[in-house]
């Protein structure tokens, strides 16, 4: 697959076709990012519906605007990471196949293949926290959309953690490994 073949603007059907092909990317990280983006979209939808109601207190309106902005930011990050994760994994495959690739290049692309799913986890963690606050502003019908969004985000978070752990196997990048592992632990603590 060529790097130019990867696009955030694919229709869902094309993404699913690529995901179910024999190509190694997009893979689990990209699927997790898409799942997280879907979860944030549900949160943005709920916040927008609540904001469209005429009889809403000013303090509630302000809170919902902040939540919507945080969720939109996480959604943009996750949309970008759909492509970035696939590109990072393709670069890792290419570097591993290239007999002339030096240790520095291998380390750099391997670290990037770890950083992308960590970034997916970070965006999901931020959105999960916003969804928890948003849920307190909803009734049962909109609350079910928030719960569905949180479930998608939680699944995306866990899937990305698996990608991180697999990419960490057999590698030690010294201080970078310790920094990234500490970041992962902070994210786990924030979500659990």
C-alpha atoms as a PDB file:
ATOM      1  CA  UNK A   1       0.000   0.000   0.000  1.00  0.00           C
ATOM      2  CA  UNK A   2       1.260   3.472  -0.849  1.00  0.00           C
ATOM      3  CA  UNK A   3       1.258   6.161   1.835  1.00  0.00           C
ATOM      4  CA  UNK A   4      -0.814   8.348  -0.464  1.00  0.00           C
ATOM      5  CA  UNK A   5      -3.549   5.678  -0.395  1.00  0.00           C
ATOM      6  CA  UNK A   6      -4.291   6.450   3.255  1.00  0.00           C
ATOM      7  CA  UNK A   7      -6.914   9.119   3.778  1.00  0.00           C
ATOM      8  CA  UNK A   8      -9.042  10.349   6.651  1.00  0.00           C
ATOM      9  CA  UNK A   9     -11.619  11.346   4.045  1.00  0.00           C
ATOM     10  CA  UNK A  10     -12.385   7.823   2.874  1.00  0.00           C
ATOM     11  CA  UNK A  11     -16.003   6.745   3.010  1.00  0.00           C
ATOM     12  CA  UNK A  12     -16.596   4.225   5.804  1.00  0.00           C
ATOM     13  CA  UNK A  13     -17.010   1.404   3.284  1.00  0.00           C
ATOM     14  CA  UNK A  14     -13.573   2.075   1.761  1.00  0.00           C
ATOM     15  CA  UNK A  15     -11.960   2.184   5.201  1.00  0.00           C
ATOM     16  CA  UNK A  16     -13.594  -1.119   6.132  1.00  0.00           C
ATOM     17  CA  UNK A  17     -12.484  -2.655   2.831  1.00  0.00           C
ATOM     18  CA  UNK A  18      -8.878  -1.560   3.490  1.00  0.00           C
ATOM     19  CA  UNK A  19      -9.076  -2.742   7.090  1.00  0.00           C
ATOM     20  CA  UNK A  20     -10.270  -6.194   6.045  1.00  0.00           C
ATOM     21  CA  UNK A  21      -7.709  -6.589   3.259  1.00  0.00           C
ATOM     22  CA  UNK A  22      -4.361  -8.370   3.375  1.00  0.00           C
ATOM     23  CA  UNK A  23      -2.570  -5.033   3.815  1.00  0.00           C
ATOM     24  CA  UNK A  24      -0.930  -4.541   7.232  1.00  0.00           C
ATOM     25  CA  UNK A  25      -2.223  -0.985   7.542  1.00  0.00           C
ATOM     26  CA  UNK A  26      -4.582   0.457   8.423  1.00  0.00           C
ATOM     27  CA  UNK A  27      -4.787  -1.930  11.351  1.00  0.00           C
ATOM     28  CA  UNK A  28      -5.757  -2.008  15.003  1.00  0.00           C
ATOM     29  CA  UNK A  29      -4.436   1.431  15.882  1.00  0.00           C
ATOM     30  CA  UNK A  30      -6.286   3.115  13.042  1.00  0.00           C
ATOM     31  CA  UNK A  31      -9.445   1.185  13.884  1.00  0.00           C
ATOM     32  CA  UNK A  32      -9.115   2.287  17.513  1.00  0.00           C
ATOM     33  CA  UNK A  33      -8.709   5.916  16.454  1.00  0.00           C
ATOM     34  CA  UNK A  34     -11.822   5.667  14.279  1.00  0.00           C
ATOM     35  CA  UNK A  35     -13.767   4.085  17.133  1.00  0.00           C
ATOM     36  CA  UNK A  36     -12.674   6.895  19.438  1.00  0.00           C
ATOM     37  CA  UNK A  37     -13.637   9.509  16.852  1.00  0.00           C
ATOM     38  CA  UNK A  38     -17.093   7.926  16.600  1.00  0.00           C
ATOM     39  CA  UNK A  39     -17.409   8.069  20.383  1.00  0.00           C
ATOM     40  CA  UNK A  40     -16.478  11.737  20.501  1.00  0.00           C
ATOM     41  CA  UNK A  41     -18.925  12.475  17.684  1.00  0.00           C
ATOM     42  CA  UNK A  42     -21.736  11.090  19.833  1.00  0.00           C
ATOM     43  CA  UNK A  43     -20.659  13.384  22.661  1.00  0.00           C
ATOM     44  CA  UNK A  44     -20.557  16.411  20.375  1.00  0.00           C
ATOM     45  CA  UNK A  45     -24.021  15.499  19.079  1.00  0.00           C
ATOM     46  CA  UNK A  46     -25.452  15.311  22.604  1.00  0.00           C
ATOM     47  CA  UNK A  47     -23.816  18.588  23.659  1.00  0.00           C
ATOM     48  CA  UNK A  48     -25.143  20.268  20.488  1.00  0.00           C
ATOM     49  CA  UNK A  49     -28.674  19.006  21.119  1.00  0.00           C
ATOM     50  CA  UNK A  50     -28.560  20.247  24.708  1.00  0.00           C
ATOM     51  CA  UNK A  51     -27.185  23.618  23.575  1.00  0.00           C
ATOM     52  CA  UNK A  52     -30.005  23.975  21.040  1.00  0.00           C
ATOM     53  CA  UNK A  53     -32.605  23.944  23.796  1.00  0.00           C
ATOM     54  CA  UNK A  54     -33.916  27.459  24.480  1.00  0.00           C
ATOM     55  CA  UNK A  55     -34.486  27.042  28.217  1.00  0.00           C
ATOM     56  CA  UNK A  56     -30.979  26.296  29.409  1.00  0.00           C
ATOM     57  CA  UNK A  57     -29.239  28.070  32.284  1.00  0.00           C
ATOM     58  CA  UNK A  58     -26.275  30.278  31.377  1.00  0.00           C
ATOM     59  CA  UNK A  59     -23.917  28.273  33.615  1.00  0.00           C
ATOM     60  CA  UNK A  60     -25.046  25.018  31.954  1.00  0.00           C
ATOM     61  CA  UNK A  61     -24.624  26.571  28.493  1.00  0.00           C
ATOM     62  CA  UNK A  62     -21.052  27.591  29.323  1.00  0.00           C
ATOM     63  CA  UNK A  63     -20.229  24.120  30.666  1.00  0.00           C
ATOM     64  CA  UNK A  64     -21.691  22.430  27.578  1.00  0.00           C
ATOM     65  CA  UNK A  65     -19.747  24.721  25.222  1.00  0.00           C
ATOM     66  CA  UNK A  66     -16.501  23.833  26.996  1.00  0.00           C
ATOM     67  CA  UNK A  67     -17.319  20.115  26.858  1.00  0.00           C
ATOM     68  CA  UNK A  68     -18.252  20.323  23.170  1.00  0.00           C
ATOM     69  CA  UNK A  69     -14.974  22.122  22.401  1.00  0.00           C
ATOM     70  CA  UNK A  70     -12.931  19.495  24.289  1.00  0.00           C
ATOM     71  CA  UNK A  71     -14.713  16.672  22.504  1.00  0.00           C
ATOM     72  CA  UNK A  72     -14.261  18.339  19.103  1.00  0.00           C
ATOM     73  CA  UNK A  73     -10.551  18.753  19.832  1.00  0.00           C
ATOM     74  CA  UNK A  74     -10.229  15.075  20.766  1.00  0.00           C
ATOM     75  CA  UNK A  75     -12.204  14.130  17.653  1.00  0.00           C
ATOM     76  CA  UNK A  76      -9.828  16.117  15.408  1.00  0.00           C
ATOM     77  CA  UNK A  77      -6.842  14.445  17.082  1.00  0.00           C
ATOM     78  CA  UNK A  78      -8.340  10.989  16.613  1.00  0.00           C
ATOM     79  CA  UNK A  79      -9.217  11.659  12.964  1.00  0.00           C
ATOM     80  CA  UNK A  80      -5.619  12.719  12.327  1.00  0.00           C
ATOM     81  CA  UNK A  81      -4.305   9.669  14.198  1.00  0.00           C
ATOM     82  CA  UNK A  82      -6.251   7.247  11.978  1.00  0.00           C
ATOM     83  CA  UNK A  83      -3.783   8.077   9.204  1.00  0.00           C
ATOM     84  CA  UNK A  84      -0.721   8.750  11.361  1.00  0.00           C
ATOM     85  CA  UNK A  85      -0.913   5.374  13.083  1.00  0.00           C
ATOM     86  CA  UNK A  86      -1.109   3.545   9.760  1.00  0.00           C
ATOM     87  CA  UNK A  87       1.814   5.561   8.381  1.00  0.00           C
ATOM     88  CA  UNK A  88       3.899   4.892  11.508  1.00  0.00           C
ATOM     89  CA  UNK A  89       3.290   1.163  11.233  1.00  0.00           C
ATOM     90  CA  UNK A  90       4.089   1.135   7.507  1.00  0.00           C
ATOM     91  CA  UNK A  91       7.336   3.002   8.231  1.00  0.00           C
ATOM     92  CA  UNK A  92       8.243   0.405  10.864  1.00  0.00           C
ATOM     93  CA  UNK A  93       7.606  -2.453   8.435  1.00  0.00           C
ATOM     94  CA  UNK A  94       9.639  -0.709   5.748  1.00  0.00           C
ATOM     95  CA  UNK A  95      12.553  -0.004   8.109  1.00  0.00           C
ATOM     96  CA  UNK A  96      12.582  -3.607   9.328  1.00  0.00           C
ATOM     97  CA  UNK A  97      12.672  -4.893   5.734  1.00  0.00           C
ATOM     98  CA  UNK A  98      15.429  -2.494   4.705  1.00  0.00           C
ATOM     99  CA  UNK A  99      18.719  -4.252   5.373  1.00  0.00           C
ATOM    100  CA  UNK A 100      20.564  -0.937   5.117  1.00  0.00           C
ATOM    101  CA  UNK A 101      18.438   0.828   7.725  1.00  0.00           C
ATOM    102  CA  UNK A 102      20.626   1.882  10.602  1.00  0.00           C
ATOM    103  CA  UNK A 103      19.889   1.391  14.256  1.00  0.00           C
ATOM    104  CA  UNK A 104      19.021   5.068  14.674  1.00  0.00           C
ATOM    105  CA  UNK A 105      16.363   4.916  11.939  1.00  0.00           C
ATOM    106  CA  UNK A 106      14.913   1.687  13.340  1.00  0.00           C
ATOM    107  CA  UNK A 107      14.728   3.216  16.807  1.00  0.00           C
ATOM    108  CA  UNK A 108      13.087   6.383  15.490  1.00  0.00           C
ATOM    109  CA  UNK A 109      10.360   4.586  13.522  1.00  0.00           C
ATOM    110  CA  UNK A 110       9.818   2.064  16.328  1.00  0.00           C
ATOM    111  CA  UNK A 111       9.318   4.889  18.821  1.00  0.00           C
ATOM    112  CA  UNK A 112       6.838   6.544  16.458  1.00  0.00           C
ATOM    113  CA  UNK A 113       4.922   3.252  16.225  1.00  0.00           C
ATOM    114  CA  UNK A 114       4.632   3.407  20.034  1.00  0.00           C
ATOM    115  CA  UNK A 115       3.858   7.120  20.260  1.00  0.00           C
ATOM    116  CA  UNK A 116       0.887   7.003  17.869  1.00  0.00           C
ATOM    117  CA  UNK A 117      -1.227   4.558  19.900  1.00  0.00           C
ATOM    118  CA  UNK A 118      -0.227   6.436  23.065  1.00  0.00           C
ATOM    119  CA  UNK A 119      -1.583   9.598  21.432  1.00  0.00           C
ATOM    120  CA  UNK A 120      -4.800   7.704  20.642  1.00  0.00           C
ATOM    121  CA  UNK A 121      -5.015   6.684  24.312  1.00  0.00           C
ATOM    122  CA  UNK A 122      -4.440  10.297  25.388  1.00  0.00           C
ATOM    123  CA  UNK A 123      -7.181  11.657  23.119  1.00  0.00           C
ATOM    124  CA  UNK A 124      -9.577   8.935  24.284  1.00  0.00           C
ATOM    125  CA  UNK A 125      -8.769   9.576  27.958  1.00  0.00           C
ATOM    126  CA  UNK A 126      -9.465  13.285  27.535  1.00  0.00           C
ATOM    127  CA  UNK A 127     -12.767  12.536  25.808  1.00  0.00           C
ATOM    128  CA  UNK A 128     -13.821   9.882  28.347  1.00  0.00           C
ATOM    129  CA  UNK A 129     -13.438  12.446  31.129  1.00  0.00           C
ATOM    130  CA  UNK A 130     -15.539  14.981  29.210  1.00  0.00           C
ATOM    131  CA  UNK A 131     -18.201  12.360  28.496  1.00  0.00           C
ATOM    132  CA  UNK A 132     -18.482  11.569  32.216  1.00  0.00           C
ATOM    133  CA  UNK A 133     -19.261  15.227  32.905  1.00  0.00           C
ATOM    134  CA  UNK A 134     -21.610  15.461  29.916  1.00  0.00           C
ATOM    135  CA  UNK A 135     -23.600  12.443  31.064  1.00  0.00           C
ATOM    136  CA  UNK A 136     -24.661  14.302  34.219  1.00  0.00           C
ATOM    137  CA  UNK A 137     -26.481  16.850  32.003  1.00  0.00           C
ATOM    138  CA  UNK A 138     -28.588  14.299  30.148  1.00  0.00           C
ATOM    139  CA  UNK A 139     -31.742  12.293  30.607  1.00  0.00           C
ATOM    140  CA  UNK A 140     -32.100   8.628  29.693  1.00  0.00           C
ATOM    141  CA  UNK A 141     -32.378   9.055  25.911  1.00  0.00           C
ATOM    142  CA  UNK A 142     -29.407  11.322  25.338  1.00  0.00           C
ATOM    143  CA  UNK A 143     -27.654   9.563  28.195  1.00  0.00           C
ATOM    144  CA  UNK A 144     -27.715   6.352  26.186  1.00  0.00           C
ATOM    145  CA  UNK A 145     -25.841   8.112  23.367  1.00  0.00           C
ATOM    146  CA  UNK A 146     -23.254   9.352  25.863  1.00  0.00           C
ATOM    147  CA  UNK A 147     -22.884   5.831  27.279  1.00  0.00           C
ATOM    148  CA  UNK A 148     -22.464   4.435  23.762  1.00  0.00           C
ATOM    149  CA  UNK A 149     -19.820   7.084  23.057  1.00  0.00           C
ATOM    150  CA  UNK A 150     -17.995   6.271  26.284  1.00  0.00           C
ATOM    151  CA  UNK A 151     -18.079   2.562  25.401  1.00  0.00           C
ATOM    152  CA  UNK A 152     -16.534   3.290  21.989  1.00  0.00           C
ATOM    153  CA  UNK A 153     -13.893   5.509  23.600  1.00  0.00           C
ATOM    154  CA  UNK A 154     -13.099   2.954  26.299  1.00  0.00           C
ATOM    155  CA  UNK A 155     -12.748   0.216  23.691  1.00  0.00           C
ATOM    156  CA  UNK A 156     -10.504   2.457  21.603  1.00  0.00           C
ATOM    157  CA  UNK A 157      -8.405   3.242  24.669  1.00  0.00           C
ATOM    158  CA  UNK A 158      -7.958  -0.447  25.525  1.00  0.00           C
ATOM    159  CA  UNK A 159      -7.222  -1.428  21.920  1.00  0.00           C
ATOM    160  CA  UNK A 160      -4.561   1.266  21.702  1.00  0.00           C
ATOM    161  CA  UNK A 161      -3.002   0.041  24.936  1.00  0.00           C
ATOM    162  CA  UNK A 162      -2.625  -3.378  23.326  1.00  0.00           C
ATOM    163  CA  UNK A 163      -0.897  -1.777  20.336  1.00  0.00           C
ATOM    164  CA  UNK A 164       1.466   0.039  22.708  1.00  0.00           C
ATOM    165  CA  UNK A 165       2.327  -3.136  24.614  1.00  0.00           C
ATOM    166  CA  UNK A 166       2.964  -5.128  21.427  1.00  0.00           C
ATOM    167  CA  UNK A 167       5.181  -2.374  20.038  1.00  0.00           C
ATOM    168  CA  UNK A 168       7.125  -2.167  23.321  1.00  0.00           C
ATOM    169  CA  UNK A 169       8.013  -5.875  23.212  1.00  0.00           C
ATOM    170  CA  UNK A 170      11.685  -6.544  22.828  1.00  0.00           C
ATOM    171  CA  UNK A 171      12.642  -2.892  22.724  1.00  0.00           C
ATOM    172  CA  UNK A 172      14.383  -0.589  25.124  1.00  0.00           C
ATOM    173  CA  UNK A 173      15.013   2.984  24.134  1.00  0.00           C
ATOM    174  CA  UNK A 174      16.437   3.981  27.501  1.00  0.00           C
ATOM    175  CA  UNK A 175      14.960   7.184  28.903  1.00  0.00           C
ATOM    176  CA  UNK A 176      12.383   7.375  26.094  1.00  0.00           C
ATOM    177  CA  UNK A 177      10.979   3.975  27.099  1.00  0.00           C
ATOM    178  CA  UNK A 178      10.702   5.024  30.734  1.00  0.00           C
ATOM    179  CA  UNK A 179       9.051   8.323  29.763  1.00  0.00           C
ATOM    180  CA  UNK A 180       6.539   6.601  27.484  1.00  0.00           C
ATOM    181  CA  UNK A 181       5.756   3.875  30.033  1.00  0.00           C
ATOM    182  CA  UNK A 182       5.161   6.566  32.686  1.00  0.00           C
ATOM    183  CA  UNK A 183       2.856   8.392  30.274  1.00  0.00           C
ATOM    184  CA  UNK A 184       0.903   5.172  29.630  1.00  0.00           C
ATOM    185  CA  UNK A 185       0.552   4.575  33.388  1.00  0.00           C
ATOM    186  CA  UNK A 186      -0.764   8.131  33.892  1.00  0.00           C
ATOM    187  CA  UNK A 187      -3.336   7.563  31.140  1.00  0.00           C
ATOM    188  CA  UNK A 188      -4.419   4.248  32.671  1.00  0.00           C
ATOM    189  CA  UNK A 189      -4.838   5.959  36.042  1.00  0.00           C
ATOM    190  CA  UNK A 190      -6.880   8.760  34.478  1.00  0.00           C
ATOM    191  CA  UNK A 191      -9.291   6.346  32.795  1.00  0.00           C
ATOM    192  CA  UNK A 192      -9.634   3.773  35.605  1.00  0.00           C
END
